[in-house]
Amino acid sequence: MSGPVLQPGQLRPTVPPPGPVETVIGVAAGVIWPIMIVLGVFTSLSLGTAIVIAIIASIVLNQVKRTLRNQRRASIQPPATPPMR
């Protein structure tokens, strides 16, 4: 077994909240599908092209969001362990 061990009475390190960039990317990833479907139905953009664009944009935005979340979680310092008696 490896890694930090949580002792009784020790608090877990808190994860900082998402930053503004991570929040904007998350919102963009959430609204890309409705926007592209509306554009595919009501504009000259074909529905098939809109769906392909939505798939690619969704994959890219979700990967960027996942990378930012992992960097945020990795920035947490494990709690200091008291010396053994």
Protein backbone atom coordinates (compact mmCIF):
# COMPACT_ATOMS: atom_id res chain seq x y z
CA MET A 1 0.00 0.00 0.00
CA SER A 2 1.36 3.43 -0.82
CA GLY A 3 0.28 7.06 -0.64
CA PRO A 4 -0.85 9.26 2.20
CA VAL A 5 -2.74 7.54 5.01
CA LEU A 6 -5.64 9.34 6.66
CA GLN A 7 -5.17 9.26 10.42
CA PRO A 8 -8.08 9.66 12.86
CA GLY A 9 -8.61 13.33 13.60
CA GLN A 10 -6.91 14.44 10.38
CA LEU A 11 -8.85 16.48 7.88
CA ARG A 12 -8.82 15.69 4.21
CA PRO A 13 -7.26 18.33 2.00
CA THR A 14 -9.90 20.42 0.27
CA VAL A 15 -10.02 20.69 -3.49
CA PRO A 16 -10.07 24.29 -4.70
CA PRO A 17 -13.17 25.32 -6.67
CA PRO A 18 -13.02 25.40 -10.47
CA GLY A 19 -11.51 28.54 -11.95
CA PRO A 20 -13.30 30.79 -14.43
CA VAL A 21 -11.69 29.14 -17.46
CA GLU A 22 -12.75 25.67 -16.34
CA THR A 23 -16.29 26.94 -15.68
CA VAL A 24 -16.59 28.58 -19.11
CA ILE A 25 -15.30 25.44 -20.85
CA GLY A 26 -17.78 23.32 -18.91
CA VAL A 27 -20.67 25.57 -19.93
CA ALA A 28 -19.51 25.58 -23.56
CA ALA A 29 -19.31 21.78 -23.54
CA GLY A 30 -22.85 21.64 -22.18
CA VAL A 31 -24.45 23.96 -24.73
CA ILE A 32 -22.62 22.90 -27.89
CA TRP A 33 -25.17 20.21 -28.76
CA PRO A 34 -28.32 22.37 -28.56
CA ILE A 35 -26.61 25.20 -30.44
CA MET A 36 -25.41 22.97 -33.26
CA ILE A 37 -28.78 21.22 -33.60
CA VAL A 38 -30.57 24.58 -33.84
CA LEU A 39 -28.02 25.78 -36.39
CA GLY A 40 -28.41 22.55 -38.37
CA VAL A 41 -32.19 22.82 -38.47
CA PHE A 42 -32.73 26.55 -38.97
CA THR A 43 -29.74 27.66 -41.08
CA SER A 44 -28.12 26.58 -44.32
CA LEU A 45 -25.67 24.41 -42.35
CA SER A 46 -26.60 20.78 -42.92
CA LEU A 47 -27.69 18.75 -39.91
CA GLY A 48 -25.02 16.12 -40.56
CA THR A 49 -22.25 18.72 -40.61
CA ALA A 50 -23.62 20.30 -37.43
CA ILE A 51 -23.62 16.94 -35.66
CA VAL A 52 -20.03 16.20 -36.72
CA ILE A 53 -18.93 19.64 -35.49
CA ALA A 54 -20.78 19.04 -32.21
CA ILE A 55 -19.10 15.65 -31.72
CA ILE A 56 -15.61 17.01 -32.33
CA ALA A 57 -16.15 20.15 -30.22
CA SER A 58 -17.67 18.12 -27.39
CA ILE A 59 -14.71 15.71 -27.33
CA VAL A 60 -12.16 18.52 -27.34
CA LEU A 61 -13.93 20.66 -24.71
CA ASN A 62 -14.51 17.73 -22.36
CA GLN A 63 -10.86 16.69 -22.62
CA VAL A 64 -9.67 20.23 -21.84
CA LYS A 65 -12.08 20.36 -18.89
CA ARG A 66 -10.82 16.99 -17.61
CA THR A 67 -7.19 18.14 -17.91
CA LEU A 68 -7.90 21.34 -15.98
CA ARG A 69 -9.73 19.36 -13.26
CA ASN A 70 -6.82 16.91 -12.95
CA GLN A 71 -4.32 19.78 -12.68
CA ARG A 72 -6.47 21.40 -9.98
CA ARG A 73 -6.64 18.14 -8.02
CA ALA A 74 -2.91 17.50 -8.43
CA SER A 75 -2.09 20.90 -6.94
CA ILE A 76 -3.34 19.73 -3.53
CA GLN A 77 -0.58 19.04 -1.04
CA PRO A 78 -1.18 15.97 1.11
CA PRO A 79 -1.51 16.73 4.81
CA ALA A 80 1.68 16.60 6.83
CA THR A 81 1.98 13.37 8.76
CA PRO A 82 3.01 13.68 12.38
CA PRO A 83 6.23 11.88 13.33
CA MET A 84 5.86 8.32 14.55
CA ARG A 85 6.38 7.70 18.23
